[in-house]
Amino acid sequence: MRSIHIAEWILALVTSRDRAASTVGDLVEEAATRGVFWFWSGVLRTAASLLWRDVAERPARMAGLAFRGLAIELALSLFFLALSGVTAAMIGSPGALNSAGWRLFFNAPTLVIPILIGRMLARWAPGHELAACLAYAILGSIFNVVIMIVFPAGMGSSALLWGILGDPAQQTPLLAGAVWGRRSLQGHRGRGAR
C-alpha cells in the first residue's frame, strides 16, 4: 500500500494527481503477474517518458527557461565569489578561514543557489517544473563540460571524467527546490479554491 503512494507521488511530479493514480492502478494490475521489479521499472519509465514529453513539446520555452536559470546561477555565483573574496581579504589570516563555520559560509551557496533556481523554475513553469529543471540540468552540464575542457586547470582526464559523471548528482538540490516550489504553488492554488 505504501509503495503505491510512493509511485503515485513520483508520477504526480510530472503529471496530474488523477492521471498518476490511474497510471499506478494500471501498473499495479499488470504487476500482479509480472512482479515488483516490473512495477517499479514501469513507474520510472512512465515518469521519464512524461518528463521528456514535457521538454519535447515546448523546446524553445524550456531552453529559454534553462538559459535564464543558468544566467541567474552565474550571477549569484559571481556575487558570492566576490563576497567570499572580500570576506577573506578582511579577515586576512588564512588559518582562520579553515574553521568549520567559515567553510560552511563559503560552501553554502553551492547548496542554496540550486535550491533557489529550482524554486524559480517551478514558479516560471507551473505544471512543467521538472521539465524546466531537466532542460536547465542539461544546459548546465553542457556548460560545465565546456568549461572543464576549455579551462582544465591542470586536471587530468580521469578528474575531468569524474566531474562529468558526477555532475548529474549535483543537480539534486535543484530538483529539491523544484519539488518544494511545486508544492508551494499547489498549496497556494488549493487555498485559493476554498
N, C-alpha and C. Protein backbone atom coordinates (compact mmCIF):
# COMPACT_ATOMS: atom_id res chain seq x y z
N MET A 1 0.82 -1.20 0.00
CA MET A 1 0.00 0.00 0.00
C MET A 1 0.87 1.27 0.00
N ARG A 2 1.91 1.26 0.85
CA ARG A 2 2.78 2.44 0.90
C ARG A 2 3.51 2.63 -0.43
N SER A 3 3.91 1.53 -1.06
CA SER A 3 4.63 1.65 -2.33
C SER A 3 3.73 2.26 -3.41
N ILE A 4 2.45 2.02 -3.32
CA ILE A 4 1.52 2.62 -4.28
C ILE A 4 1.50 4.14 -4.11
N HIS A 5 1.50 4.60 -2.87
CA HIS A 5 1.52 6.05 -2.61
C HIS A 5 2.83 6.68 -3.10
N ILE A 6 3.94 5.97 -2.90
CA ILE A 6 5.23 6.48 -3.37
C ILE A 6 5.23 6.56 -4.89
N ALA A 7 4.71 5.52 -5.55
CA ALA A 7 4.65 5.51 -7.01
C ALA A 7 3.76 6.65 -7.51
N GLU A 8 2.63 6.88 -6.85
CA GLU A 8 1.75 7.99 -7.24
C GLU A 8 2.45 9.33 -7.05
N TRP A 9 3.20 9.46 -5.95
CA TRP A 9 3.92 10.71 -5.70
C TRP A 9 4.95 10.96 -6.80
N ILE A 10 5.68 9.91 -7.20
CA ILE A 10 6.69 10.05 -8.25
C ILE A 10 6.03 10.51 -9.55
N LEU A 11 4.95 9.86 -9.93
CA LEU A 11 4.28 10.23 -11.19
C LEU A 11 3.59 11.58 -11.09
N ALA A 12 3.12 11.95 -9.89
CA ALA A 12 2.47 13.25 -9.73
C ALA A 12 3.46 14.41 -9.89
N LEU A 13 4.75 14.11 -9.86
CA LEU A 13 5.74 15.15 -10.12
C LEU A 13 5.74 15.58 -11.58
N VAL A 14 5.26 14.72 -12.48
CA VAL A 14 5.31 15.02 -13.91
C VAL A 14 3.95 15.01 -14.59
N THR A 15 2.89 14.76 -13.83
CA THR A 15 1.54 14.77 -14.40
C THR A 15 0.56 15.11 -13.28
N SER A 16 -0.72 15.13 -13.60
CA SER A 16 -1.73 15.44 -12.58
C SER A 16 -1.87 14.27 -11.61
N ARG A 17 -2.41 14.56 -10.44
CA ARG A 17 -2.58 13.51 -9.42
C ARG A 17 -3.55 12.43 -9.90
N ASP A 18 -4.62 12.85 -10.58
CA ASP A 18 -5.60 11.87 -11.07
C ASP A 18 -4.97 10.93 -12.10
N ARG A 19 -4.22 11.51 -13.02
CA ARG A 19 -3.57 10.68 -14.04
C ARG A 19 -2.51 9.77 -13.41
N ALA A 20 -1.80 10.28 -12.40
CA ALA A 20 -0.80 9.46 -11.71
C ALA A 20 -1.46 8.28 -11.02
N ALA A 21 -2.58 8.54 -10.34
CA ALA A 21 -3.29 7.45 -9.64
C ALA A 21 -3.81 6.42 -10.63
N SER A 22 -4.34 6.89 -11.76
CA SER A 22 -4.84 5.98 -12.78
C SER A 22 -3.72 5.12 -13.37
N THR A 23 -2.60 5.75 -13.66
CA THR A 23 -1.46 5.02 -14.23
C THR A 23 -0.92 3.99 -13.25
N VAL A 24 -0.79 4.39 -11.99
CA VAL A 24 -0.31 3.44 -10.97
C VAL A 24 -1.28 2.29 -10.82
N GLY A 25 -2.57 2.57 -10.88
CA GLY A 25 -3.56 1.50 -10.82
C GLY A 25 -3.38 0.49 -11.94
N ASP A 26 -3.15 0.99 -13.15
CA ASP A 26 -2.90 0.10 -14.29
C ASP A 26 -1.62 -0.72 -14.08
N LEU A 27 -0.59 -0.06 -13.56
CA LEU A 27 0.68 -0.77 -13.33
C LEU A 27 0.54 -1.82 -12.23
N VAL A 28 -0.26 -1.53 -11.21
CA VAL A 28 -0.47 -2.49 -10.12
C VAL A 28 -1.18 -3.74 -10.65
N GLU A 29 -2.19 -3.54 -11.49
CA GLU A 29 -2.90 -4.69 -12.07
C GLU A 29 -1.95 -5.57 -12.87
N GLU A 30 -1.12 -4.94 -13.68
CA GLU A 30 -0.18 -5.70 -14.51
C GLU A 30 0.94 -6.32 -13.68
N ALA A 31 1.31 -5.66 -12.58
CA ALA A 31 2.40 -6.15 -11.73
C ALA A 31 2.03 -7.43 -11.01
N ALA A 32 0.74 -7.72 -10.89
CA ALA A 32 0.33 -8.96 -10.22
C ALA A 32 0.90 -10.18 -10.94
N THR A 33 1.05 -10.09 -12.24
CA THR A 33 1.61 -11.22 -13.00
C THR A 33 3.09 -11.03 -13.33
N ARG A 34 3.56 -9.79 -13.39
CA ARG A 34 4.93 -9.54 -13.83
C ARG A 34 5.92 -9.30 -12.69
N GLY A 35 5.47 -8.89 -11.53
CA GLY A 35 6.37 -8.73 -10.39
C GLY A 35 6.68 -7.29 -10.01
N VAL A 36 7.37 -7.18 -8.88
CA VAL A 36 7.68 -5.88 -8.29
C VAL A 36 8.69 -5.10 -9.14
N PHE A 37 9.72 -5.78 -9.62
CA PHE A 37 10.73 -5.09 -10.43
C PHE A 37 10.08 -4.46 -11.66
N TRP A 38 9.18 -5.19 -12.30
CA TRP A 38 8.50 -4.67 -13.47
C TRP A 38 7.67 -3.43 -13.09
N PHE A 39 7.01 -3.49 -11.93
CA PHE A 39 6.18 -2.37 -11.47
C PHE A 39 7.03 -1.11 -11.34
N TRP A 40 8.15 -1.21 -10.60
CA TRP A 40 8.96 -0.02 -10.36
C TRP A 40 9.66 0.46 -11.62
N SER A 41 10.08 -0.45 -12.47
CA SER A 41 10.67 -0.01 -13.74
C SER A 41 9.60 0.66 -14.60
N GLY A 42 8.36 0.19 -14.52
CA GLY A 42 7.26 0.83 -15.24
C GLY A 42 6.98 2.22 -14.72
N VAL A 43 7.03 2.39 -13.41
CA VAL A 43 6.83 3.72 -12.82
C VAL A 43 7.92 4.68 -13.31
N LEU A 44 9.17 4.24 -13.26
CA LEU A 44 10.28 5.10 -13.67
C LEU A 44 10.26 5.37 -15.18
N ARG A 45 9.93 4.36 -15.98
CA ARG A 45 9.84 4.57 -17.43
C ARG A 45 8.73 5.56 -17.77
N THR A 46 7.59 5.41 -17.10
CA THR A 46 6.46 6.32 -17.34
C THR A 46 6.82 7.74 -16.94
N ALA A 47 7.45 7.90 -15.78
CA ALA A 47 7.85 9.24 -15.32
C ALA A 47 8.85 9.86 -16.30
N ALA A 48 9.83 9.08 -16.73
CA ALA A 48 10.82 9.60 -17.67
C ALA A 48 10.17 9.98 -19.00
N SER A 49 9.24 9.16 -19.46
CA SER A 49 8.55 9.44 -20.72
C SER A 49 7.73 10.72 -20.63
N LEU A 50 6.98 10.88 -19.54
CA LEU A 50 6.18 12.08 -19.37
C LEU A 50 7.05 13.32 -19.21
N LEU A 51 8.17 13.16 -18.52
CA LEU A 51 9.09 14.28 -18.33
C LEU A 51 9.69 14.71 -19.67
N TRP A 52 10.15 13.74 -20.44
CA TRP A 52 10.75 14.07 -21.73
C TRP A 52 9.71 14.66 -22.69
N ARG A 53 8.47 14.17 -22.61
CA ARG A 53 7.41 14.72 -23.45
C ARG A 53 7.20 16.20 -23.14
N ASP A 54 7.23 16.54 -21.84
CA ASP A 54 7.09 17.95 -21.45
C ASP A 54 8.17 18.82 -22.08
N VAL A 55 9.40 18.32 -22.09
CA VAL A 55 10.50 19.08 -22.67
C VAL A 55 10.34 19.16 -24.19
N ALA A 56 10.00 18.04 -24.82
CA ALA A 56 9.91 17.98 -26.28
C ALA A 56 8.74 18.79 -26.84
N GLU A 57 7.66 18.95 -26.06
CA GLU A 57 6.50 19.70 -26.55
C GLU A 57 6.77 21.19 -26.64
N ARG A 58 7.64 21.71 -25.82
CA ARG A 58 7.95 23.14 -25.81
C ARG A 58 9.45 23.37 -25.68
N PRO A 59 10.22 22.97 -26.69
CA PRO A 59 11.68 23.07 -26.57
C PRO A 59 12.19 24.51 -26.45
N ALA A 60 11.59 25.44 -27.18
CA ALA A 60 12.06 26.82 -27.12
C ALA A 60 11.81 27.43 -25.74
N ARG A 61 10.63 27.18 -25.19
CA ARG A 61 10.32 27.70 -23.85
C ARG A 61 11.25 27.11 -22.81
N MET A 62 11.47 25.79 -22.88
CA MET A 62 12.33 25.13 -21.89
C MET A 62 13.78 25.60 -22.03
N ALA A 63 14.22 25.81 -23.27
CA ALA A 63 15.59 26.31 -23.47
C ALA A 63 15.71 27.73 -22.92
N GLY A 64 14.69 28.54 -23.14
CA GLY A 64 14.70 29.90 -22.60
C GLY A 64 14.76 29.91 -21.08
N LEU A 65 13.96 29.05 -20.46
CA LEU A 65 13.99 28.95 -19.00
C LEU A 65 15.34 28.45 -18.51
N ALA A 66 15.91 27.50 -19.24
CA ALA A 66 17.22 26.96 -18.86
C ALA A 66 18.29 28.05 -18.93
N PHE A 67 18.28 28.84 -20.00
CA PHE A 67 19.26 29.92 -20.13
C PHE A 67 19.05 30.98 -19.05
N ARG A 68 17.80 31.30 -18.74
CA ARG A 68 17.53 32.27 -17.69
C ARG A 68 18.03 31.75 -16.34
N GLY A 69 17.75 30.48 -16.05
CA GLY A 69 18.22 29.89 -14.80
C GLY A 69 19.73 29.86 -14.71
N LEU A 70 20.40 29.53 -15.82
CA LEU A 70 21.86 29.49 -15.83
C LEU A 70 22.44 30.89 -15.64
N ALA A 71 21.83 31.89 -16.27
CA ALA A 71 22.31 33.27 -16.11
C ALA A 71 22.19 33.72 -14.66
N ILE A 72 21.07 33.38 -14.03
CA ILE A 72 20.89 33.75 -12.62
C ILE A 72 21.88 33.00 -11.74
N GLU A 73 22.10 31.72 -12.04
CA GLU A 73 23.07 30.96 -11.25
C GLU A 73 24.47 31.56 -11.38
N LEU A 74 24.87 31.91 -12.59
CA LEU A 74 26.19 32.51 -12.78
C LEU A 74 26.31 33.85 -12.07
N ALA A 75 25.27 34.67 -12.14
CA ALA A 75 25.30 35.96 -11.47
C ALA A 75 25.40 35.78 -9.95
N LEU A 76 24.59 34.89 -9.39
CA LEU A 76 24.66 34.64 -7.94
C LEU A 76 26.00 34.04 -7.54
N SER A 77 26.52 33.13 -8.35
CA SER A 77 27.82 32.52 -8.04
C SER A 77 28.93 33.57 -8.05
N LEU A 78 28.91 34.45 -9.04
CA LEU A 78 29.92 35.51 -9.09
C LEU A 78 29.78 36.46 -7.90
N PHE A 79 28.55 36.77 -7.52
CA PHE A 79 28.32 37.62 -6.36
C PHE A 79 28.90 36.98 -5.10
N PHE A 80 28.60 35.69 -4.88
CA PHE A 80 29.11 35.02 -3.69
C PHE A 80 30.63 34.82 -3.76
N LEU A 81 31.17 34.66 -4.95
CA LEU A 81 32.61 34.57 -5.10
C LEU A 81 33.26 35.89 -4.69
N ALA A 82 32.69 37.00 -5.15
CA ALA A 82 33.21 38.31 -4.77
C ALA A 82 33.06 38.54 -3.27
N LEU A 83 31.92 38.17 -2.72
CA LEU A 83 31.69 38.32 -1.28
C LEU A 83 32.68 37.48 -0.48
N SER A 84 32.96 36.27 -0.96
CA SER A 84 33.94 35.41 -0.29
C SER A 84 35.33 36.03 -0.34
N GLY A 85 35.68 36.59 -1.49
CA GLY A 85 36.98 37.24 -1.62
C GLY A 85 37.12 38.44 -0.70
N VAL A 86 36.07 39.25 -0.62
CA VAL A 86 36.09 40.41 0.27
C VAL A 86 36.20 39.95 1.72
N THR A 87 35.44 38.92 2.08
CA THR A 87 35.48 38.40 3.45
C THR A 87 36.86 37.86 3.78
N ALA A 88 37.44 37.10 2.87
CA ALA A 88 38.78 36.55 3.11
C ALA A 88 39.81 37.66 3.23
N ALA A 89 39.69 38.70 2.43
CA ALA A 89 40.64 39.82 2.50
C ALA A 89 40.49 40.59 3.80
N MET A 90 39.26 40.72 4.29
CA MET A 90 39.03 41.45 5.55
C MET A 90 39.58 40.68 6.74
N ILE A 91 39.46 39.35 6.71
CA ILE A 91 39.95 38.55 7.83
C ILE A 91 41.47 38.51 7.82
N GLY A 92 42.03 38.32 6.64
CA GLY A 92 43.47 38.39 6.49
C GLY A 92 44.24 37.15 6.87
N SER A 93 43.82 36.40 7.83
CA SER A 93 44.57 35.23 8.29
C SER A 93 44.04 33.97 7.62
N PRO A 94 44.86 33.30 6.79
CA PRO A 94 44.38 32.09 6.11
C PRO A 94 44.00 30.98 7.09
N GLY A 95 44.66 30.92 8.23
CA GLY A 95 44.34 29.88 9.21
C GLY A 95 42.95 30.03 9.78
N ALA A 96 42.49 31.26 9.94
CA ALA A 96 41.15 31.50 10.49
C ALA A 96 40.06 31.04 9.54
N LEU A 97 40.37 31.00 8.25
CA LEU A 97 39.38 30.61 7.25
C LEU A 97 39.17 29.10 7.18
N ASN A 98 39.99 28.34 7.88
CA ASN A 98 39.86 26.88 7.86
C ASN A 98 38.88 26.35 8.90
N SER A 99 38.29 27.21 9.69
CA SER A 99 37.33 26.73 10.70
C SER A 99 36.07 26.23 10.01
N ALA A 100 35.33 25.40 10.73
CA ALA A 100 34.12 24.80 10.16
C ALA A 100 33.09 25.86 9.78
N GLY A 101 32.96 26.89 10.59
CA GLY A 101 31.99 27.95 10.30
C GLY A 101 32.28 28.67 9.00
N TRP A 102 33.54 29.00 8.78
CA TRP A 102 33.90 29.68 7.54
C TRP A 102 33.75 28.77 6.34
N ARG A 103 34.10 27.50 6.51
CA ARG A 103 33.92 26.56 5.40
C ARG A 103 32.44 26.45 5.03
N LEU A 104 31.58 26.42 6.05
CA LEU A 104 30.15 26.38 5.79
C LEU A 104 29.71 27.65 5.07
N PHE A 105 30.20 28.80 5.52
CA PHE A 105 29.86 30.08 4.89
C PHE A 105 30.27 30.10 3.42
N PHE A 106 31.48 29.61 3.13
CA PHE A 106 31.97 29.64 1.76
C PHE A 106 31.31 28.60 0.87
N ASN A 107 30.85 27.48 1.44
CA ASN A 107 30.26 26.40 0.63
C ASN A 107 28.74 26.41 0.61
N ALA A 108 28.10 27.20 1.45
CA ALA A 108 26.63 27.24 1.50
C ALA A 108 26.00 27.60 0.15
N PRO A 109 26.57 28.54 -0.61
CA PRO A 109 25.96 28.86 -1.91
C PRO A 109 25.87 27.66 -2.86
N THR A 110 26.78 26.70 -2.71
CA THR A 110 26.74 25.51 -3.56
C THR A 110 25.44 24.75 -3.38
N LEU A 111 24.88 24.79 -2.19
CA LEU A 111 23.61 24.12 -1.91
C LEU A 111 22.42 25.07 -2.09
N VAL A 112 22.57 26.29 -1.64
CA VAL A 112 21.44 27.23 -1.62
C VAL A 112 21.06 27.72 -3.02
N ILE A 113 22.04 28.04 -3.84
CA ILE A 113 21.74 28.59 -5.18
C ILE A 113 20.92 27.61 -6.02
N PRO A 114 21.29 26.32 -6.12
CA PRO A 114 20.44 25.42 -6.92
C PRO A 114 19.02 25.27 -6.37
N ILE A 115 18.87 25.30 -5.05
CA ILE A 115 17.52 25.23 -4.48
C ILE A 115 16.71 26.45 -4.93
N LEU A 116 17.31 27.62 -4.86
CA LEU A 116 16.62 28.84 -5.31
C LEU A 116 16.30 28.79 -6.80
N ILE A 117 17.24 28.31 -7.60
CA ILE A 117 16.99 28.19 -9.05
C ILE A 117 15.85 27.21 -9.30
N GLY A 118 15.83 26.10 -8.58
CA GLY A 118 14.74 25.12 -8.73
C GLY A 118 13.39 25.73 -8.39
N ARG A 119 13.34 26.52 -7.31
CA ARG A 119 12.08 27.19 -6.95
C ARG A 119 11.67 28.21 -8.02
N MET A 120 12.65 28.94 -8.55
CA MET A 120 12.34 29.91 -9.60
C MET A 120 11.80 29.21 -10.85
N LEU A 121 12.45 28.12 -11.24
CA LEU A 121 11.98 27.38 -12.42
C LEU A 121 10.58 26.84 -12.19
N ALA A 122 10.29 26.39 -10.97
CA ALA A 122 8.95 25.89 -10.65
C ALA A 122 7.92 27.02 -10.78
N ARG A 123 8.29 28.20 -10.36
CA ARG A 123 7.38 29.34 -10.45
C ARG A 123 7.19 29.79 -11.90
N TRP A 124 8.24 29.72 -12.70
CA TRP A 124 8.17 30.16 -14.09
C TRP A 124 7.50 29.15 -15.00
N ALA A 125 7.47 27.88 -14.60
CA ALA A 125 6.90 26.83 -15.46
C ALA A 125 5.91 25.99 -14.67
N PRO A 126 4.82 26.57 -14.18
CA PRO A 126 3.88 25.79 -13.38
C PRO A 126 3.29 24.63 -14.18
N GLY A 127 3.29 23.47 -13.56
CA GLY A 127 2.80 22.27 -14.22
C GLY A 127 3.88 21.55 -15.02
N HIS A 128 5.00 22.23 -15.25
CA HIS A 128 6.10 21.65 -16.03
C HIS A 128 7.43 21.90 -15.32
N GLU A 129 7.38 21.88 -13.99
CA GLU A 129 8.54 22.24 -13.18
C GLU A 129 9.75 21.37 -13.46
N LEU A 130 9.55 20.07 -13.44
CA LEU A 130 10.68 19.17 -13.62
C LEU A 130 11.20 19.18 -15.05
N ALA A 131 10.34 19.47 -16.01
CA ALA A 131 10.81 19.59 -17.40
C ALA A 131 11.75 20.79 -17.52
N ALA A 132 11.40 21.90 -16.88
CA ALA A 132 12.28 23.06 -16.89
C ALA A 132 13.59 22.75 -16.19
N CYS A 133 13.52 21.99 -15.10
CA CYS A 133 14.74 21.60 -14.39
C CYS A 133 15.60 20.66 -15.22
N LEU A 134 14.96 19.77 -15.96
CA LEU A 134 15.72 18.86 -16.83
C LEU A 134 16.44 19.66 -17.91
N ALA A 135 15.75 20.60 -18.53
CA ALA A 135 16.39 21.43 -19.55
C ALA A 135 17.54 22.23 -18.94
N TYR A 136 17.33 22.76 -17.75
CA TYR A 136 18.38 23.51 -17.06
C TYR A 136 19.56 22.60 -16.72
N ALA A 137 19.27 21.39 -16.23
CA ALA A 137 20.34 20.45 -15.87
C ALA A 137 21.16 20.06 -17.10
N ILE A 138 20.49 19.84 -18.22
CA ILE A 138 21.21 19.50 -19.46
C ILE A 138 22.09 20.67 -19.89
N LEU A 139 21.53 21.88 -19.89
CA LEU A 139 22.32 23.05 -20.28
C LEU A 139 23.47 23.27 -19.30
N GLY A 140 23.19 23.15 -18.00
CA GLY A 140 24.25 23.32 -17.00
C GLY A 140 25.36 22.30 -17.15
N SER A 141 24.99 21.06 -17.45
CA SER A 141 26.00 20.01 -17.65
C SER A 141 26.86 20.30 -18.88
N ILE A 142 26.21 20.73 -19.96
CA ILE A 142 26.96 21.09 -21.17
C ILE A 142 27.91 22.25 -20.87
N PHE A 143 27.41 23.25 -20.16
CA PHE A 143 28.24 24.40 -19.79
C PHE A 143 29.44 23.96 -18.95
N ASN A 144 29.19 23.09 -17.96
CA ASN A 144 30.28 22.62 -17.10
C ASN A 144 31.32 21.82 -17.88
N VAL A 145 30.87 20.97 -18.80
CA VAL A 145 31.80 20.18 -19.61
C VAL A 145 32.66 21.11 -20.47
N VAL A 146 32.03 22.10 -21.09
CA VAL A 146 32.78 23.04 -21.93
C VAL A 146 33.81 23.79 -21.08
N ILE A 147 33.40 24.25 -19.91
CA ILE A 147 34.32 24.98 -19.03
C ILE A 147 35.48 24.07 -18.61
N MET A 148 35.19 22.81 -18.27
CA MET A 148 36.25 21.90 -17.84
C MET A 148 37.21 21.57 -18.98
N ILE A 149 36.72 21.54 -20.20
CA ILE A 149 37.59 21.24 -21.34
C ILE A 149 38.40 22.48 -21.74
N VAL A 150 37.76 23.63 -21.76
CA VAL A 150 38.45 24.86 -22.16
C VAL A 150 39.44 25.32 -21.09
N PHE A 151 39.04 25.23 -19.82
CA PHE A 151 39.89 25.65 -18.71
C PHE A 151 40.13 24.47 -17.78
N PRO A 152 40.98 23.52 -18.17
CA PRO A 152 41.12 22.30 -17.36
C PRO A 152 41.78 22.52 -16.00
N ALA A 153 42.46 23.63 -15.79
CA ALA A 153 43.09 23.96 -14.50
C ALA A 153 43.98 22.83 -13.99
N GLY A 154 44.70 22.21 -14.90
CA GLY A 154 45.64 21.16 -14.51
C GLY A 154 45.00 19.83 -14.17
N MET A 155 43.70 19.67 -14.43
CA MET A 155 43.04 18.40 -14.13
C MET A 155 43.40 17.38 -15.21
N GLY A 156 43.62 16.15 -14.77
CA GLY A 156 43.86 15.07 -15.71
C GLY A 156 42.56 14.58 -16.30
N SER A 157 42.66 13.66 -17.23
CA SER A 157 41.45 13.17 -17.91
C SER A 157 40.54 12.41 -16.95
N SER A 158 41.10 11.72 -15.95
CA SER A 158 40.24 11.00 -15.00
C SER A 158 39.45 11.97 -14.13
N ALA A 159 40.07 13.09 -13.75
CA ALA A 159 39.35 14.10 -12.97
C ALA A 159 38.26 14.75 -13.80
N LEU A 160 38.55 14.99 -15.08
CA LEU A 160 37.52 15.54 -15.97
C LEU A 160 36.35 14.57 -16.11
N LEU A 161 36.68 13.29 -16.28
CA LEU A 161 35.63 12.28 -16.42
C LEU A 161 34.80 12.20 -15.14
N TRP A 162 35.45 12.24 -13.99
CA TRP A 162 34.72 12.20 -12.72
C TRP A 162 33.82 13.43 -12.59
N GLY A 163 34.32 14.59 -13.00
CA GLY A 163 33.50 15.80 -12.95
C GLY A 163 32.29 15.71 -13.85
N ILE A 164 32.46 15.12 -15.03
CA ILE A 164 31.35 14.97 -15.97
C ILE A 164 30.33 13.97 -15.45
N LEU A 165 30.80 12.84 -14.93
CA LEU A 165 29.88 11.82 -14.44
C LEU A 165 29.20 12.23 -13.14
N GLY A 166 29.88 13.02 -12.32
CA GLY A 166 29.32 13.44 -11.05
C GLY A 166 28.37 14.61 -11.16
N ASP A 167 28.36 15.29 -12.30
CA ASP A 167 27.54 16.48 -12.46
C ASP A 167 26.05 16.22 -12.28
N PRO A 168 25.48 15.15 -12.83
CA PRO A 168 24.04 14.93 -12.61
C PRO A 168 23.67 14.78 -11.13
N ALA A 169 24.54 14.19 -10.34
CA ALA A 169 24.25 14.04 -8.91
C ALA A 169 24.21 15.39 -8.22
N GLN A 170 24.92 16.36 -8.75
CA GLN A 170 24.93 17.68 -8.15
C GLN A 170 23.65 18.46 -8.44
N GLN A 171 22.77 17.91 -9.25
CA GLN A 171 21.51 18.57 -9.57
C GLN A 171 20.42 18.26 -8.54
N THR A 172 20.73 17.43 -7.55
CA THR A 172 19.74 17.05 -6.54
C THR A 172 19.14 18.26 -5.83
N PRO A 173 19.94 19.25 -5.37
CA PRO A 173 19.31 20.42 -4.74
C PRO A 173 18.38 21.18 -5.69
N LEU A 174 18.72 21.20 -6.97
CA LEU A 174 17.86 21.85 -7.96
C LEU A 174 16.50 21.18 -8.01
N LEU A 175 16.50 19.85 -8.07
CA LEU A 175 15.24 19.10 -8.11
C LEU A 175 14.47 19.27 -6.82
N ALA A 176 15.19 19.29 -5.69
CA ALA A 176 14.52 19.52 -4.40
C ALA A 176 13.84 20.88 -4.38
N GLY A 177 14.52 21.89 -4.92
CA GLY A 177 13.92 23.22 -4.99
C GLY A 177 12.70 23.24 -5.89
N ALA A 178 12.74 22.50 -6.99
CA ALA A 178 11.59 22.45 -7.90
C ALA A 178 10.41 21.76 -7.24
N VAL A 179 10.67 20.66 -6.54
CA VAL A 179 9.58 19.96 -5.85
C VAL A 179 9.01 20.86 -4.76
N TRP A 180 9.87 21.54 -4.04
CA TRP A 180 9.43 22.47 -3.00
C TRP A 180 8.60 23.58 -3.61
N GLY A 181 9.06 24.13 -4.74
CA GLY A 181 8.30 25.18 -5.43
C GLY A 181 6.97 24.68 -5.94
N ARG A 182 6.94 23.46 -6.46
CA ARG A 182 5.69 22.88 -6.97
C ARG A 182 4.69 22.71 -5.83
N ARG A 183 5.17 22.21 -4.70
CA ARG A 183 4.27 22.01 -3.55
C ARG A 183 3.74 23.34 -3.04
N SER A 184 4.58 24.36 -3.00
CA SER A 184 4.09 25.65 -2.50
C SER A 184 3.08 26.24 -3.48
N LEU A 185 3.31 26.06 -4.79
CA LEU A 185 2.34 26.54 -5.77
C LEU A 185 1.02 25.80 -5.65
N GLN A 186 1.08 24.47 -5.45
CA GLN A 186 -0.14 23.68 -5.29
C GLN A 186 -0.86 24.08 -4.01
N GLY A 187 -0.10 24.41 -2.97
CA GLY A 187 -0.71 24.86 -1.72
C GLY A 187 -1.44 26.18 -1.90
N HIS A 188 -0.83 27.10 -2.67
CA HIS A 188 -1.48 28.39 -2.93
C HIS A 188 -2.73 28.21 -3.77
N ARG A 189 -2.68 27.30 -4.75
CA ARG A 189 -3.86 27.04 -5.58
C ARG A 189 -4.97 26.41 -4.76
N GLY A 190 -4.58 25.49 -3.85
CA GLY A 190 -5.56 24.81 -3.01
C GLY A 190 -6.26 25.77 -2.06
N ARG A 191 -5.50 26.72 -1.50
CA ARG A 191 -6.10 27.70 -0.59
C ARG A 191 -7.01 28.66 -1.34
N GLY A 192 -6.64 28.97 -2.59
CA GLY A 192 -7.47 29.89 -3.38
C GLY A 192 -8.78 29.26 -3.80
N ALA A 193 -8.84 27.93 -3.88
CA ALA A 193 -10.06 27.25 -4.33
C ALA A 193 -11.08 27.12 -3.21
N ARG A 194 -10.64 27.32 -1.97
CA ARG A 194 -11.58 27.15 -0.84
C ARG A 194 -12.57 28.26 -0.74
